[in-house]
Protein backbone atom coordinates (compact mmCIF):
# COMPACT_ATOMS: atom_id res chain seq x y z
CA GLU A 1 14.76 -4.10 69.72
CA MET A 2 16.15 -0.41 71.13
CA LEU A 3 13.31 0.10 72.92
CA ARG A 4 12.86 -3.32 74.04
CA SER A 5 15.80 -3.08 75.56
CA LEU A 6 15.17 0.61 77.13
CA VAL A 7 11.58 -0.64 78.75
CA GLY A 8 12.85 -3.93 79.41
CA SER A 9 9.76 -5.69 78.38
CA GLU A 10 7.61 -6.65 75.39
CA MET A 11 6.03 -3.78 73.73
CA CYS A 12 2.76 -3.15 71.39
CA ILE A 13 3.22 -0.90 68.57
CA ARG A 14 0.42 0.43 66.90
CA ASP A 15 -0.54 -0.69 63.50
CA ARG A 16 2.74 -2.68 63.89
CA GLY A 17 4.54 0.36 62.10
CA TYR A 18 5.56 3.68 62.67
CA THR A 19 3.72 6.98 61.89
CA ASP A 20 3.90 10.67 61.42
CA GLY A 21 5.40 11.96 65.04
CA PRO A 22 5.51 10.26 68.47
CA VAL A 23 3.30 7.01 68.94
CA TRP A 24 2.22 6.21 72.62
CA ALA A 25 2.94 2.46 73.29
CA SER A 26 1.60 0.45 76.13
CA ALA A 27 3.82 -2.35 77.67
CA PRO A 28 3.68 -3.95 80.71
CA ILE A 29 6.41 -3.29 83.57
CA GLY A 30 5.90 -5.86 86.31
CA ASN A 31 2.35 -5.27 87.45
CA GLY A 32 1.75 -1.81 85.94
CA VAL A 33 1.62 -0.63 82.84
CA CYS A 34 4.20 1.97 81.19
CA SER A 35 3.01 4.15 78.32
CA THR A 36 6.26 5.15 76.52
CA PRO A 37 6.60 7.40 73.40
CA ILE A 38 8.31 5.68 70.52
CA ILE A 39 10.20 8.30 68.42
CA ARG A 40 10.28 7.48 64.74
CA PRO A 41 14.12 7.54 63.05
CA SER A 42 14.50 10.64 60.88
CA ASN A 43 16.49 8.43 58.45
CA LEU A 44 13.57 5.82 58.14
CA ARG A 45 10.87 8.63 57.64
CA LYS A 46 12.81 10.48 55.11
CA GLU A 47 13.21 6.89 52.82
CA GLU A 48 9.23 6.27 53.58
CA GLU A 49 8.83 9.98 51.93
CA ALA A 50 10.75 9.51 48.86
CA MET A 51 9.39 6.20 48.62
CA SER A 52 5.82 7.49 48.77
CA ARG A 53 6.38 10.07 45.77
CA PRO A 54 5.36 9.74 42.13
CA THR A 55 8.27 8.99 40.24
CA THR A 56 8.84 10.96 36.86
CA LEU A 57 11.30 9.54 33.99
CA ARG A 58 12.55 12.66 31.84
CA ALA A 59 13.71 11.66 28.63
CA SER A 60 16.37 13.97 26.84
CA ARG A 61 15.73 16.11 24.03
CA SER A 62 17.82 14.05 21.56
CA THR A 63 15.95 10.72 22.59
CA ILE A 64 12.40 12.38 21.84
CA VAL A 65 13.69 13.58 18.55
CA LEU A 66 15.33 10.06 17.73
CA ASN A 67 11.87 8.47 19.11
CA LYS A 68 10.23 10.52 16.34
CA VAL A 69 12.04 9.67 13.84
CA LYS A 70 11.96 6.12 14.47
CA THR A 71 8.23 6.71 14.23
CA PHE A 72 8.12 8.48 11.01
CA PHE A 73 10.40 6.12 9.44
CA SER A 74 8.56 3.13 10.24
CA LYS A 75 5.47 4.09 8.48
CA PRO A 76 6.34 2.93 4.47
CA HIS A 77 4.34 5.94 2.82
CA ASN A 78 6.74 8.31 4.93
CA VAL A 79 9.65 7.13 3.75
CA ILE A 80 8.19 7.10 0.04
CA LEU A 81 7.03 10.81 0.40
CA LEU A 82 10.56 11.79 1.54
CA LEU A 83 12.65 9.87 -0.82
CA LEU A 84 10.58 10.73 -3.81
CA GLY A 85 10.00 14.38 -2.62
CA ILE A 86 13.76 14.83 -2.86
CA VAL A 87 14.13 13.12 -6.10
CA LEU A 88 11.27 15.37 -7.85
CA THR A 89 12.40 17.96 -6.53
CA PHE A 90 15.83 17.95 -8.49
CA THR A 91 14.04 16.73 -11.48
CA THR A 92 11.47 19.16 -11.62
CA VAL A 93 12.75 22.34 -10.26
CA ALA A 94 15.66 21.98 -12.11
CA PRO A 95 14.35 22.22 -15.65
CA ILE A 96 12.03 25.01 -14.79
CA VAL A 97 14.38 27.18 -13.45
CA ALA A 98 16.17 26.94 -16.63
CA ILE A 99 13.88 27.84 -18.46
CA VAL A 100 13.00 31.27 -16.41
CA GLU A 101 16.82 32.15 -16.47
CA ASP A 102 16.40 31.22 -20.43
CA THR A 103 13.95 34.01 -20.44
CA PHE A 104 16.62 36.74 -19.01
CA LYS A 105 19.41 35.46 -20.89
CA ILE A 106 20.97 37.18 -24.23
CA HIS A 107 21.21 34.76 -26.96
CA ALA A 108 23.66 35.45 -29.33
CA GLY A 109 22.33 35.96 -33.23
CA THR A 110 18.74 36.37 -31.68
CA ILE A 111 16.65 39.07 -31.40
CA ASP A 112 17.16 40.03 -27.91
CA ALA A 113 20.88 40.56 -28.88
CA HIS A 114 19.88 42.90 -31.64
CA LEU A 115 17.58 44.81 -29.33
CA THR A 116 20.46 45.09 -26.46
CA GLY A 117 23.32 45.23 -28.50
CA GLN A 118 25.08 42.50 -26.24
CA ALA A 119 26.17 39.11 -27.22
CA THR A 120 25.93 37.76 -23.19
CA GLY A 121 24.36 38.89 -20.24
CA TYR A 122 20.61 39.35 -18.83
CA THR A 123 17.76 41.57 -19.91
CA THR A 124 14.16 41.69 -19.34
CA VAL A 125 14.27 42.88 -23.17
CA ASN A 126 12.11 39.70 -24.06
CA TYR A 127 9.48 40.50 -21.87
CA THR A 128 8.83 44.00 -23.10
CA ASP A 129 9.27 42.68 -26.94
CA LEU A 130 6.94 39.68 -26.62
CA PHE A 131 3.97 41.61 -24.66
CA THR A 132 4.27 45.43 -26.15
CA SER A 133 5.70 44.85 -29.72
CA ARG A 134 3.74 45.27 -33.23
CA MET A 135 4.42 41.30 -33.51
CA ALA A 136 2.52 40.66 -29.87
CA LYS A 137 -0.87 39.99 -31.22
CA THR A 138 0.49 37.19 -33.74
CA ASN A 139 3.27 35.77 -31.30
CA LEU A 140 0.98 36.10 -28.32
CA TRP A 141 -2.42 36.91 -27.82
CA THR A 142 -3.65 34.86 -30.80
CA PRO A 143 -1.85 31.83 -29.56
CA LEU A 144 -3.34 32.22 -26.10
CA LEU A 145 -6.67 32.18 -26.70
CA ASN A 146 -6.59 29.84 -29.35
CA THR A 147 -4.48 27.50 -26.72
CA VAL A 148 -7.13 28.32 -23.86
CA LEU A 149 -10.03 27.46 -26.68
CA LEU A 150 -8.42 24.60 -27.76
CA ALA A 151 -7.81 22.84 -23.92
CA VAL A 152 -11.16 24.13 -22.85
CA GLY A 153 -12.91 22.42 -25.75
CA THR A 154 -10.67 19.49 -25.31
CA CYS A 155 -11.92 18.66 -21.84
CA VAL A 156 -15.57 19.24 -22.52
CA VAL A 157 -15.57 16.45 -25.44
CA SER A 158 -13.62 14.24 -23.64
CA ILE A 159 -15.40 14.31 -20.62
CA LEU A 160 -18.79 14.13 -22.14
CA TYR A 161 -17.62 11.26 -24.27
CA GLY A 162 -15.56 9.25 -22.23
CA GLY A 163 -17.98 9.91 -19.06
CA LEU A 164 -21.24 8.83 -21.15
CA PHE A 165 -19.42 5.59 -22.59
CA ALA A 166 -18.13 4.82 -18.93
CA PHE A 167 -21.73 5.17 -17.85
CA LEU A 168 -23.04 3.04 -20.30
CA ILE A 169 -20.21 0.36 -19.91
CA THR A 170 -20.58 -0.03 -16.45
CA ARG A 171 -24.16 0.94 -15.25
CA THR A 172 -26.11 -0.36 -17.83
CA ASP A 173 -26.98 -3.50 -19.75
CA LEU A 174 -25.58 -2.59 -22.55
CA ALA A 175 -25.01 -5.09 -25.52
CA TRP A 176 -21.39 -6.43 -26.46
CA ARG A 177 -19.68 -4.40 -23.60
CA LYS A 178 -16.55 -6.34 -23.30
CA TYR A 179 -15.46 -5.77 -26.95
CA LEU A 180 -16.54 -1.98 -26.62
CA SER A 181 -14.42 -1.58 -23.47
CA SER A 182 -11.76 -3.08 -25.02
CA ILE A 183 -11.49 -1.02 -28.71
CA PHE A 184 -12.36 2.29 -26.99
CA ILE A 185 -8.83 2.29 -25.45
CA PHE A 186 -7.62 2.41 -28.88
CA PRO A 187 -7.31 6.29 -29.54
CA TYR A 188 -5.56 6.90 -26.52
CA ILE A 189 -2.43 3.87 -27.38
CA MET A 190 -2.35 5.52 -30.51
CA PRO A 191 -0.14 8.91 -30.82
CA GLN A 192 -1.65 12.35 -31.39
CA TRP A 193 -1.26 12.99 -34.87
CA THR A 194 -2.30 9.90 -36.02
CA LEU A 195 -6.17 10.81 -35.69
CA ALA A 196 -4.81 14.63 -36.98
CA VAL A 197 -3.19 12.59 -40.28
CA VAL A 198 -6.91 10.33 -40.81
CA TRP A 199 -8.69 13.43 -40.06
CA GLN A 200 -6.53 15.20 -43.15
CA ASN A 201 -6.91 11.87 -45.19
CA LEU A 202 -10.84 11.93 -44.41
CA PHE A 203 -11.92 15.70 -44.96
CA ASN A 204 -8.88 17.39 -47.11
CA SER A 205 -9.26 18.59 -50.60
CA ASN A 206 -7.24 20.19 -53.63
CA ALA A 207 -10.01 22.88 -54.23
CA VAL A 208 -10.29 23.61 -49.90
CA THR A 209 -6.87 23.25 -48.28
CA GLY A 210 -4.79 23.21 -51.65
CA THR A 211 -3.22 19.74 -50.51
CA SER A 212 -3.81 16.31 -52.05
CA ASN A 213 -7.69 15.26 -51.95
CA GLY A 214 -8.74 13.28 -49.33
CA LEU A 215 -11.44 10.07 -49.38
CA LEU A 216 -14.40 12.17 -49.78
CA ALA A 217 -13.22 14.51 -51.89
CA ALA A 218 -11.40 11.79 -54.08
CA LEU A 219 -14.42 9.40 -54.31
CA PHE A 220 -17.58 11.34 -54.08
CA GLY A 221 -16.42 15.00 -54.91
CA VAL A 222 -17.47 16.05 -51.17
CA ASN A 223 -15.29 19.06 -50.24
CA MET A 224 -15.75 19.80 -46.70
CA PRO A 225 -15.23 23.62 -45.45
CA ILE A 226 -12.35 25.22 -44.48
CA TRP A 227 -13.30 25.67 -40.36
CA TRP A 228 -14.09 21.86 -40.55
CA CYS A 229 -10.79 20.50 -42.26
CA LYS A 230 -8.05 23.27 -40.61
CA GLY A 231 -8.34 25.23 -37.06
CA LEU A 232 -10.06 25.17 -33.98
CA PHE A 233 -12.84 22.60 -34.71
CA PRO A 234 -10.98 19.66 -35.95
CA SER A 235 -8.03 20.04 -33.49
CA LEU A 236 -9.91 19.78 -30.26
CA MET A 237 -12.03 16.87 -31.99
CA VAL A 238 -9.52 15.11 -32.72
CA LEU A 239 -7.78 15.81 -28.99
CA GLY A 240 -10.86 15.44 -27.28
CA LEU A 241 -11.15 11.95 -29.20
CA HIS A 242 -7.70 10.88 -28.49
CA TYR A 243 -8.28 11.70 -24.44
CA ALA A 244 -11.88 10.55 -24.23
CA PRO A 245 -10.60 6.94 -22.98
CA PHE A 246 -8.32 8.78 -20.42
CA ALA A 247 -11.94 9.46 -18.89
CA TYR A 248 -13.64 6.59 -19.52
CA ILE A 249 -10.88 4.84 -17.39
CA LEU A 250 -10.82 7.25 -14.77
CA ILE A 251 -14.76 7.88 -14.28
CA GLY A 252 -15.71 4.04 -15.03
CA GLY A 253 -13.52 3.07 -12.29
CA ILE A 254 -15.76 5.26 -9.92
CA PHE A 255 -18.67 3.82 -11.44
CA ARG A 256 -17.77 0.05 -11.38
CA ASN A 257 -17.32 0.62 -7.20
CA MET A 258 -19.78 2.88 -6.63
CA ASP A 259 -22.64 1.39 -3.83
CA ALA A 260 -25.99 1.57 -5.76
CA ASN A 261 -27.56 1.54 -2.35
CA LEU A 262 -26.98 5.35 -2.45
CA GLU A 263 -29.06 5.83 -4.96
CA GLU A 264 -31.57 3.25 -4.44
CA ALA A 265 -32.25 5.43 -1.06
CA ALA A 266 -32.67 8.24 -3.11
CA THR A 267 -35.49 6.73 -5.05
CA ILE A 268 -37.02 5.47 -2.05
CA LEU A 269 -37.31 8.73 -1.00
CA ASP A 270 -39.00 9.52 -4.37
CA THR A 271 -36.33 11.99 -5.32
CA PRO A 272 -36.37 12.85 -9.22
CA LYS A 273 -33.79 11.04 -11.14
CA TRP A 274 -32.50 14.17 -12.71
CA LYS A 275 -31.52 15.31 -8.86
CA THR A 276 -29.93 12.30 -8.05
CA MET A 277 -27.90 12.53 -10.68
CA PHE A 278 -26.34 16.03 -9.58
CA ARG A 279 -26.97 15.10 -6.27
CA ILE A 280 -25.39 11.90 -5.58
CA THR A 281 -23.80 10.29 -8.79
CA LEU A 282 -21.93 13.30 -10.44
CA PRO A 283 -20.50 14.13 -6.52
CA MET A 284 -19.11 10.44 -6.58
CA VAL A 285 -17.35 11.11 -9.59
CA LYS A 286 -16.04 14.47 -8.67
CA PRO A 287 -12.27 12.99 -8.19
CA ALA A 288 -12.49 11.24 -11.48
CA ILE A 289 -13.87 14.19 -13.60
CA LEU A 290 -11.36 17.11 -11.58
CA SER A 291 -8.56 14.54 -12.64
CA THR A 292 -9.40 14.10 -16.10
CA ILE A 293 -9.72 17.91 -16.23
CA LEU A 294 -6.38 18.75 -14.67
CA LEU A 295 -4.91 16.14 -17.42
CA VAL A 296 -6.64 16.74 -20.49
CA PHE A 297 -6.33 20.65 -20.13
CA GLY A 298 -2.38 20.45 -19.08
CA SER A 299 -1.77 17.77 -22.13
CA ALA A 300 -3.89 20.11 -24.69
CA MET A 301 -2.19 23.17 -23.81
CA GLY A 302 1.27 21.50 -24.50
CA SER A 303 -0.16 19.60 -27.53
CA TYR A 304 2.42 20.08 -30.58
CA PRO A 305 1.47 17.29 -33.74
CA VAL A 306 -2.14 17.89 -33.85
CA PRO A 307 -2.36 21.75 -34.17
CA HIS A 308 0.75 21.74 -36.32
CA TYR A 309 -0.84 19.22 -38.76
CA LEU A 310 -3.97 20.78 -38.49
CA GLY A 311 -2.98 24.59 -39.02
CA LEU A 312 -4.18 26.10 -35.46
CA SER A 313 -1.65 28.46 -33.96
CA THR A 314 -1.33 27.83 -30.16
CA LEU A 315 1.59 28.68 -27.76
CA SER A 316 2.92 24.90 -28.43
CA THR A 317 3.26 25.73 -32.25
CA LYS A 318 4.57 29.27 -31.72
CA TYR A 319 7.19 27.98 -29.42
CA VAL A 320 8.96 26.04 -32.11
CA SER A 321 8.43 28.80 -35.12
CA MET A 322 10.11 31.35 -32.63
CA ASN A 323 12.66 29.05 -30.74
CA SER A 324 15.75 29.72 -33.36
CA LYS A 325 15.38 33.69 -33.24
CA TYR A 326 13.07 34.08 -30.32
CA THR A 327 14.76 31.96 -27.87
CA GLY A 328 13.92 33.98 -24.79
CA GLU A 329 10.56 34.79 -25.77
CA ALA A 330 9.75 31.14 -26.98
CA SER A 331 10.76 30.36 -23.07
CA ILE A 332 8.27 32.85 -22.00
CA LEU A 333 5.58 31.30 -23.99
CA ALA A 334 6.44 27.97 -22.10
CA ILE A 335 6.12 29.71 -18.80
CA ILE A 336 2.74 30.73 -19.79
CA MET A 337 1.37 27.64 -20.48
CA MET A 338 2.82 26.39 -16.73
CA VAL A 339 0.92 29.10 -15.29
CA PHE A 340 -2.16 28.22 -16.52
CA GLY A 341 -1.42 24.32 -15.59
CA VAL A 342 -0.44 25.38 -12.37
CA ALA A 343 -3.58 27.33 -11.69
CA ILE A 344 -5.75 24.61 -12.48
CA MET A 345 -4.09 22.19 -10.49
CA LEU A 346 -4.20 24.45 -7.37
CA LEU A 347 -7.90 24.47 -8.05
CA ASN A 348 -7.87 20.83 -8.01
CA GLN A 349 -5.98 21.01 -4.92
CA LEU A 350 -8.87 22.67 -3.11
CA SER A 351 -10.83 19.51 -3.38
CA LEU A 352 -8.76 17.20 -1.96
CA LYS A 353 -9.67 18.20 1.34
CA SER A 354 -13.14 16.50 1.36
CA ARG A 355 -12.02 13.56 -0.92
CA LYS A 356 -13.02 11.59 2.29
CA ASN A 357 -16.87 11.91 1.59
CA TYR A 358 -16.12 10.13 -1.57
CA THR A 359 -15.15 7.27 -0.29
CA THR A 360 -16.68 4.30 -2.48
CA VAL A 361 -14.96 1.19 -1.52
CA THR A 362 -14.77 -0.21 2.05
CA GLY A 363 -14.75 -3.04 4.15
CA LYS A 364 -19.01 -3.38 3.92
CA SER A 365 -20.68 -5.45 1.23
CA GLY A 366 -21.97 -3.17 -1.57
CA GLN A 367 -23.83 -3.88 -4.70
CA ILE A 368 -24.17 -2.68 -8.30
CA SER A 369 -27.59 -2.00 -10.15
CA LYS A 370 -27.61 -2.01 -13.66
CA ILE A 371 -29.93 0.14 -15.68
CA THR A 372 -32.18 -1.59 -18.48
CA LEU A 373 -32.12 -0.24 -21.48
CA GLY A 374 -34.38 -2.44 -23.22
CA LYS A 375 -34.08 -5.07 -25.71
CA THR A 376 -34.26 -2.46 -28.90
CA GLY A 377 -32.48 0.24 -26.91
CA ARG A 378 -29.50 -2.22 -25.79
CA VAL A 379 -28.47 -2.91 -29.45
CA VAL A 380 -28.97 0.46 -31.23
CA ILE A 381 -26.86 2.08 -28.84
CA ALA A 382 -24.48 -0.54 -28.62
CA LEU A 383 -24.36 -0.68 -32.54
CA ILE A 384 -23.99 3.43 -32.64
CA LEU A 385 -20.94 3.25 -30.50
CA VAL A 386 -19.41 -0.07 -32.60
CA ILE A 387 -20.02 2.67 -35.63
CA LEU A 388 -17.83 5.67 -33.48
CA THR A 389 -15.33 3.01 -32.15
CA PHE A 390 -14.79 1.87 -35.46
CA PHE A 391 -13.81 5.37 -37.09
CA THR A 392 -11.93 6.42 -34.18
CA SER A 393 -10.22 2.84 -33.51
CA ILE A 394 -10.02 0.37 -36.64
CA PHE A 395 -10.14 3.23 -39.42
CA PRO A 396 -7.00 4.91 -38.39
CA ILE A 397 -5.29 1.57 -38.33
CA ILE A 398 -6.70 0.48 -41.89
CA SER A 399 -5.98 3.96 -43.29
CA PHE A 400 -2.42 3.82 -42.48
CA ALA A 401 -1.81 0.48 -44.06
CA PHE A 402 -3.86 1.31 -46.97
CA GLU A 403 -1.74 4.32 -47.54
CA THR A 404 1.83 2.37 -47.63
CA PHE A 405 0.63 0.58 -50.84
CA LEU A 406 -0.38 3.77 -52.55
CA PRO A 407 2.20 4.83 -55.50
CA ASN A 408 1.99 8.76 -54.08
CA PRO A 409 0.21 10.08 -51.47
CA GLY A 410 -3.63 11.19 -51.94
CA ASP A 411 -3.69 8.82 -54.93
CA TYR A 412 -6.58 6.39 -54.36
CA SER A 413 -7.69 5.57 -58.30
CA PHE A 414 -7.37 2.12 -57.00
CA LEU A 415 -10.51 2.60 -55.25
CA TYR A 416 -12.54 3.76 -58.10
CA THR A 417 -10.79 2.27 -60.72
CA GLY A 418 -10.20 -1.33 -58.92
CA ASP A 419 -6.68 -1.99 -61.22
CA ALA A 420 -4.36 -3.46 -58.81
CA SER A 421 -1.86 -1.85 -60.58
CA ASN A 422 -2.28 0.98 -59.12
CA LEU A 423 -1.03 -0.41 -55.99
CA THR A 424 2.40 -0.66 -55.28
CA THR A 425 4.93 -2.38 -52.52
CA LYS A 426 7.86 -0.10 -53.26
CA TRP A 427 7.56 1.12 -49.67
CA TRP A 428 7.83 -2.23 -48.07
CA ILE A 429 10.47 -4.32 -49.78
CA THR A 430 12.91 -1.80 -52.07
CA SER A 431 16.36 -3.22 -50.94
CA GLU A 432 18.77 -0.27 -52.72
CA ASN A 433 18.11 3.29 -52.52
CA VAL A 434 20.02 4.55 -55.93
CA THR A 435 18.18 2.90 -58.95
CA GLU A 436 14.43 3.62 -57.69
CA ASN A 437 13.01 7.25 -58.17
CA GLY A 438 10.36 8.61 -55.72
CA MET A 439 12.15 6.87 -52.33
CA TYR A 440 13.54 10.30 -51.45
CA GLY A 441 16.75 8.46 -51.16
CA GLN A 442 15.96 5.81 -48.62
CA LYS A 443 15.19 2.06 -48.66
CA GLY A 444 11.88 0.25 -48.05
CA ILE A 445 11.04 -0.34 -44.35
CA LEU A 446 11.95 -3.78 -44.52
CA TYR A 447 15.31 -3.43 -45.58
CA ASN A 448 15.77 0.29 -43.92
CA GLU A 449 18.61 -0.03 -41.11
CA THR A 450 17.89 3.29 -39.76
CA ILE A 451 14.08 2.62 -39.14
CA TRP A 452 15.26 -0.78 -37.36
CA ARG A 453 17.32 1.03 -35.18
CA ALA A 454 14.42 3.76 -34.59
CA PHE A 455 11.99 0.78 -33.89
CA LYS A 456 14.24 -0.88 -31.25
CA GLY A 457 14.89 2.58 -29.74
CA THR A 458 11.50 2.98 -29.49
CA ILE A 459 10.29 -0.03 -27.87
CA LEU A 460 13.09 0.29 -25.38
CA VAL A 461 12.29 4.01 -24.16
CA SER A 462 8.39 3.33 -24.13
CA VAL A 463 9.16 -0.42 -21.95
CA ALA A 464 11.52 1.65 -19.54
CA CYS A 465 9.21 4.72 -19.26
CA ALA A 466 5.89 2.77 -18.97
CA LEU A 467 7.80 0.58 -15.94
CA LEU A 468 9.33 3.71 -14.38
CA ALA A 469 6.73 6.15 -14.41
CA GLY A 470 4.16 3.36 -13.50
CA SER A 471 5.74 2.03 -10.61
CA ILE A 472 6.72 5.74 -9.25
CA GLY A 473 3.73 6.83 -10.04
CA THR A 474 1.82 3.94 -8.09
CA MET A 475 3.69 4.68 -5.09
CA ILE A 476 3.05 8.59 -5.26
CA GLY A 477 -0.56 8.03 -5.39
CA TYR A 478 -0.37 5.37 -2.37
CA ALA A 479 1.76 7.78 -0.01
CA VAL A 480 -0.23 10.76 -1.03
CA SER A 481 -3.75 9.29 -0.39
CA LYS A 482 -2.30 8.51 3.22
CA ASN A 483 -0.95 11.68 4.10
CA ARG A 484 -3.22 14.00 2.03
CA ARG A 485 -3.39 16.57 4.64
CA SER A 486 -0.01 16.64 5.11
CA ARG A 487 1.93 19.72 3.48
CA TRP A 488 4.99 17.79 2.10
CA ALA A 489 2.35 14.93 0.84
CA ASN A 490 0.29 17.84 -1.39
CA TYR A 491 4.01 19.22 -2.39
CA VAL A 492 4.95 15.76 -3.51
CA ASN A 493 1.97 15.45 -5.41
CA SER A 494 1.79 18.76 -6.82
CA VAL A 495 5.78 18.52 -7.90
CA ALA A 496 5.05 15.23 -9.76
CA PHE A 497 2.52 16.78 -11.49
CA LEU A 498 4.55 19.94 -12.79
CA PRO A 499 6.46 18.51 -15.38
CA TYR A 500 3.36 17.55 -17.13
CA LEU A 501 2.01 20.92 -17.57
CA MET A 502 5.25 22.04 -19.63
CA PRO A 503 5.70 21.76 -23.12
CA SER A 504 7.32 18.30 -23.61
CA ILE A 505 9.93 20.45 -26.37
CA ALA A 506 10.59 22.84 -23.49
CA VAL A 507 11.17 19.77 -20.70
CA GLY A 508 13.73 18.32 -23.60
CA VAL A 509 15.48 21.52 -24.13
CA ALA A 510 15.66 22.15 -20.24
CA PHE A 511 17.11 18.59 -19.69
CA PHE A 512 19.31 18.79 -22.80
CA ILE A 513 21.18 21.87 -20.70
CA LEU A 514 21.35 20.22 -17.08
CA PHE A 515 22.79 16.75 -18.73
CA SER A 516 25.15 18.22 -21.48
CA THR A 517 27.94 19.48 -19.18
CA GLU A 518 31.68 18.38 -18.87
CA LYS A 519 30.72 16.64 -15.62
CA LEU A 520 27.65 14.87 -16.68
CA ASN A 521 27.10 14.40 -20.69
CA LEU A 522 24.15 12.11 -21.54
CA PHE A 523 23.42 13.72 -25.13
CA ASN A 524 22.42 11.58 -27.71
CA THR A 525 21.47 8.33 -25.18
CA TYR A 526 18.54 6.46 -24.33
CA THR A 527 19.12 6.98 -21.06
CA LEU A 528 18.47 11.03 -21.15
CA LEU A 529 15.13 9.98 -23.06
CA ILE A 530 14.01 7.65 -20.67
CA ILE A 531 14.53 10.04 -17.76
CA VAL A 532 12.75 12.73 -19.12
CA GLY A 533 9.78 10.25 -20.62
CA THR A 534 9.50 9.15 -16.93
CA VAL A 535 9.63 12.70 -15.35
CA LYS A 536 7.47 13.48 -18.16
CA TYR A 537 4.54 11.06 -17.87
CA ILE A 538 4.51 10.05 -14.24
CA PRO A 539 1.37 12.35 -13.66
CA PHE A 540 -0.62 9.76 -15.50
CA ALA A 541 0.06 7.31 -13.39
CA SER A 542 -0.03 9.09 -10.08
CA ARG A 543 -3.03 10.93 -10.89
CA SER A 544 -4.79 7.99 -11.64
CA SER A 545 -3.36 5.80 -8.75
CA LEU A 546 -4.63 8.71 -6.40
CA ASN A 547 -8.04 8.21 -7.69
CA SER A 548 -7.86 4.99 -7.16
CA MET A 549 -6.49 4.86 -3.64
CA LEU A 550 -8.72 7.45 -2.37
CA GLN A 551 -11.45 5.23 -3.06
CA LEU A 552 -9.95 2.49 -0.38
CA SER A 553 -11.02 2.98 3.19
CA GLY A 554 -8.69 2.67 5.95
CA GLU A 555 -10.07 -0.26 7.69
CA ILE A 556 -8.97 -2.76 4.31
CA GLU A 557 -5.21 -2.00 5.33
CA GLU A 558 -5.76 -2.00 9.06
CA ALA A 559 -7.39 -5.68 9.15
CA ALA A 560 -4.02 -6.89 7.07
CA ILE A 561 -1.86 -5.43 9.84
CA ILE A 562 -3.85 -7.17 12.68
CA GLN A 563 -3.08 -10.45 10.97
CA ASN A 564 0.80 -9.37 10.48
CA ILE A 565 0.26 -9.26 6.98
CA PRO A 566 4.05 -7.35 5.85
CA TRP A 567 3.43 -4.29 4.24
CA ILE A 568 5.10 -5.31 0.61
CA LYS A 569 1.92 -7.81 0.65
């Protein structure tokens, strides 16, 4: 408008806008044409330059951190790892610190107080005396060798027996599979010492072991050699049979879910069966085998009742026998057991980096082909397994039930005389403990208030520990499987398993020290038993859950997320 007023006529501005610099516009003046330079205002040019620049929004550092925190906590597995990592750090590191401190502490009335001449304080004399004294072979080296041999032998027996059983049940047309699968779990349900006592009741003899005769000696006059009745061989056999069901559960789970197309592809390529087994089948069950070794090795090293009943000197039995007078040295034995367990755990951690290669459950369809054993083979093999499972699962129950009617331990006179008077029900129905002799001052089981209270307490602790350890272990397995390349996830997984490597007695003593203070006193309560039991048995659930979660492909969960299904479902 300003130009129009100056020139006095209409003007034609090129492109109906301004350009950078002067623009010559032609406008009619009278009968001629006048060319007038149009100068763009500087303020409009600056505004246009500002509008033409790309706009960059810079968030503050606090906003970036806040967004990262929101993203982190929006994933449930991160929340689970963080919370459980904090809780497990306290419940695991604190007992370990207590045991390590105990190795340096001077205990009044023990060997370290005698050697140092002090009643309190800290010293390294426990380490010197345990490793270099004249009793080092008896207190350390022999028990250490027996413990390692027991742990290795237990792993071999449990994996061979449980793994072979799992293969026959899941990958063949074996007869009576449902019955065998159910009965095979029984030894694992029963306490360790039950099979050890059954072994004694079967094979002990007065001539060899100096105890009451077992069934074979009493009925048939058969005296088994001492190496069969006591020592390393019966201990590793009993523990191997006890933990074989655990190997069956872990390895059988992978066998059930493994796609047979992998093995069929090898068959089409004329691959020998032994090569298929070692190059395809065994690598697929490698996670389960490693988990079984880890759990069985740690448990066998810390086992006390089986070596105690079967007369084998191990680190755990030495820990109990030395704890009163050699308290600090006994704690060193506990540390040694943990060191071995941690070494096995670190070897297992190395395999986690490539676990993705062992995915066997995906969103794609698969099939399982069963190996045909033949009409005769499937029945004969099943019959052999029925006999084995009878002696490991059913016979212990029958044996214990029969023992409750014997007048005295080892008195099997009823079996070869057939006289019912050689049986008694006094262990069940004796209602008083004054006139009855041979009851050791106790009433019968049905009238014994102490036994009933113990039974109720056992049920309470068992149910609570099973629910808590199972739930926490499952969450740990899920969260670790989602972040297994994360250092924090590996830390949580390791810390969750660490209590399993420690002897149960050592864990109990450590928690007793922690929770028997003036501020927090849980001594002589079921609460403390439940806490210790939960921490002690979380590794069972976490390792089993992790082994299963590693088989699940992420596409299954992603499909649920696409359908807007909540995480909890």
